[in-house]
């Protein structure tokens, strides 16, 4: 059975094409080439919490805020 309510199928998820390249450049040698990461654009970064970047999530993740 195919998983449909996951991040890669959500309207708020934006794929990050540079993830693998950036992780390797930062010195992480054990990066899975098949792993796809992106940003959840559901809620903006919170300045209260000190974050200034969108949350990074995998394409197979699920948070409960899924929207088509």
C-alpha atoms as a PDB file:
ATOM      1  CA  UNK A   1       0.000   0.000   0.000  1.00  0.00           C
ATOM      2  CA  UNK A   2       1.390   3.385  -1.002  1.00  0.00           C
ATOM      3  CA  UNK A   3       1.848   6.077   1.624  1.00  0.00           C
ATOM      4  CA  UNK A   4       0.036   9.183   0.407  1.00  0.00           C
ATOM      5  CA  UNK A   5      -0.179  11.469   3.448  1.00  0.00           C
ATOM      6  CA  UNK A   6       3.559  12.106   3.636  1.00  0.00           C
ATOM      7  CA  UNK A   7       5.582  15.278   3.219  1.00  0.00           C
ATOM      8  CA  UNK A   8       6.544  14.784  -0.433  1.00  0.00           C
ATOM      9  CA  UNK A   9       2.838  14.820  -1.350  1.00  0.00           C
ATOM     10  CA  UNK A  10       1.990  17.841   0.801  1.00  0.00           C
ATOM     11  CA  UNK A  11       1.467  21.342  -0.599  1.00  0.00           C
ATOM     12  CA  UNK A  12       3.663  22.831   2.147  1.00  0.00           C
ATOM     13  CA  UNK A  13       6.750  20.715   1.369  1.00  0.00           C
ATOM     14  CA  UNK A  14       9.470  22.171  -0.846  1.00  0.00           C
ATOM     15  CA  UNK A  15      12.240  19.853  -2.053  1.00  0.00           C
ATOM     16  CA  UNK A  16      15.813  21.022  -1.421  1.00  0.00           C
ATOM     17  CA  UNK A  17      17.955  20.009  -4.394  1.00  0.00           C
ATOM     18  CA  UNK A  18      21.142  21.158  -2.648  1.00  0.00           C
ATOM     19  CA  UNK A  19      20.834  18.987   0.489  1.00  0.00           C
ATOM     20  CA  UNK A  20      23.316  16.242  -0.522  1.00  0.00           C
ATOM     21  CA  UNK A  21      25.872  18.742  -1.841  1.00  0.00           C
ATOM     22  CA  UNK A  22      25.686  20.923   1.284  1.00  0.00           C
ATOM     23  CA  UNK A  23      25.990  17.977   3.688  1.00  0.00           C
ATOM     24  CA  UNK A  24      29.064  16.642   1.865  1.00  0.00           C
ATOM     25  CA  UNK A  25      30.613  20.128   1.798  1.00  0.00           C
ATOM     26  CA  UNK A  26      30.087  20.354   5.561  1.00  0.00           C
ATOM     27  CA  UNK A  27      32.122  17.173   6.033  1.00  0.00           C
ATOM     28  CA  UNK A  28      29.388  14.577   6.471  1.00  0.00           C
ATOM     29  CA  UNK A  29      30.640  11.565   4.514  1.00  0.00           C
ATOM     30  CA  UNK A  30      27.827   9.164   5.468  1.00  0.00           C
ATOM     31  CA  UNK A  31      25.069  11.035   3.601  1.00  0.00           C
ATOM     32  CA  UNK A  32      22.586   8.741   1.852  1.00  0.00           C
ATOM     33  CA  UNK A  33      22.487   9.740  -1.833  1.00  0.00           C
ATOM     34  CA  UNK A  34      18.869   8.561  -2.124  1.00  0.00           C
ATOM     35  CA  UNK A  35      17.660  10.588   0.839  1.00  0.00           C
ATOM     36  CA  UNK A  36      15.511  13.524  -0.196  1.00  0.00           C
ATOM     37  CA  UNK A  37      15.095  16.455   2.159  1.00  0.00           C
ATOM     38  CA  UNK A  38      13.085  19.603   1.907  1.00  0.00           C
ATOM     39  CA  UNK A  39      11.527  22.406   3.866  1.00  0.00           C
ATOM     40  CA  UNK A  40       8.136  22.456   5.534  1.00  0.00           C
ATOM     41  CA  UNK A  41       6.604  25.799   4.647  1.00  0.00           C
ATOM     42  CA  UNK A  42       3.523  25.300   6.874  1.00  0.00           C
ATOM     43  CA  UNK A  43       4.687  27.701   9.559  1.00  0.00           C
ATOM     44  CA  UNK A  44       7.371  30.390   9.199  1.00  0.00           C
ATOM     45  CA  UNK A  45      10.540  30.188  11.311  1.00  0.00           C
ATOM     46  CA  UNK A  46       9.972  31.467  14.834  1.00  0.00           C
ATOM     47  CA  UNK A  47      12.134  34.364  15.961  1.00  0.00           C
ATOM     48  CA  UNK A  48      10.995  33.722  19.529  1.00  0.00           C
ATOM     49  CA  UNK A  49      12.736  30.363  19.473  1.00  0.00           C
ATOM     50  CA  UNK A  50      15.785  31.795  17.712  1.00  0.00           C
ATOM     51  CA  UNK A  51      15.240  29.871  14.474  1.00  0.00           C
ATOM     52  CA  UNK A  52      15.715  31.680  11.190  1.00  0.00           C
ATOM     53  CA  UNK A  53      15.339  28.728   8.831  1.00  0.00           C
ATOM     54  CA  UNK A  54      12.377  26.657   7.707  1.00  0.00           C
ATOM     55  CA  UNK A  55      12.142  23.218   9.362  1.00  0.00           C
ATOM     56  CA  UNK A  56      14.029  20.539   7.381  1.00  0.00           C
ATOM     57  CA  UNK A  57      12.074  17.314   6.864  1.00  0.00           C
ATOM     58  CA  UNK A  58      12.435  14.138   4.842  1.00  0.00           C
ATOM     59  CA  UNK A  59      10.088  13.248   2.021  1.00  0.00           C
ATOM     60  CA  UNK A  60       8.738  10.242   3.962  1.00  0.00           C
ATOM     61  CA  UNK A  61       8.015  12.247   7.153  1.00  0.00           C
ATOM     62  CA  UNK A  62       4.536  13.076   8.394  1.00  0.00           C
ATOM     63  CA  UNK A  63       3.500  15.722  10.917  1.00  0.00           C
ATOM     64  CA  UNK A  64      -0.310  15.705  10.933  1.00  0.00           C
ATOM     65  CA  UNK A  65      -0.668  19.017   9.095  1.00  0.00           C
ATOM     66  CA  UNK A  66      -0.864  17.373   5.657  1.00  0.00           C
ATOM     67  CA  UNK A  67      -2.664  19.316   2.907  1.00  0.00           C
ATOM     68  CA  UNK A  68      -3.049  18.417  -0.764  1.00  0.00           C
END
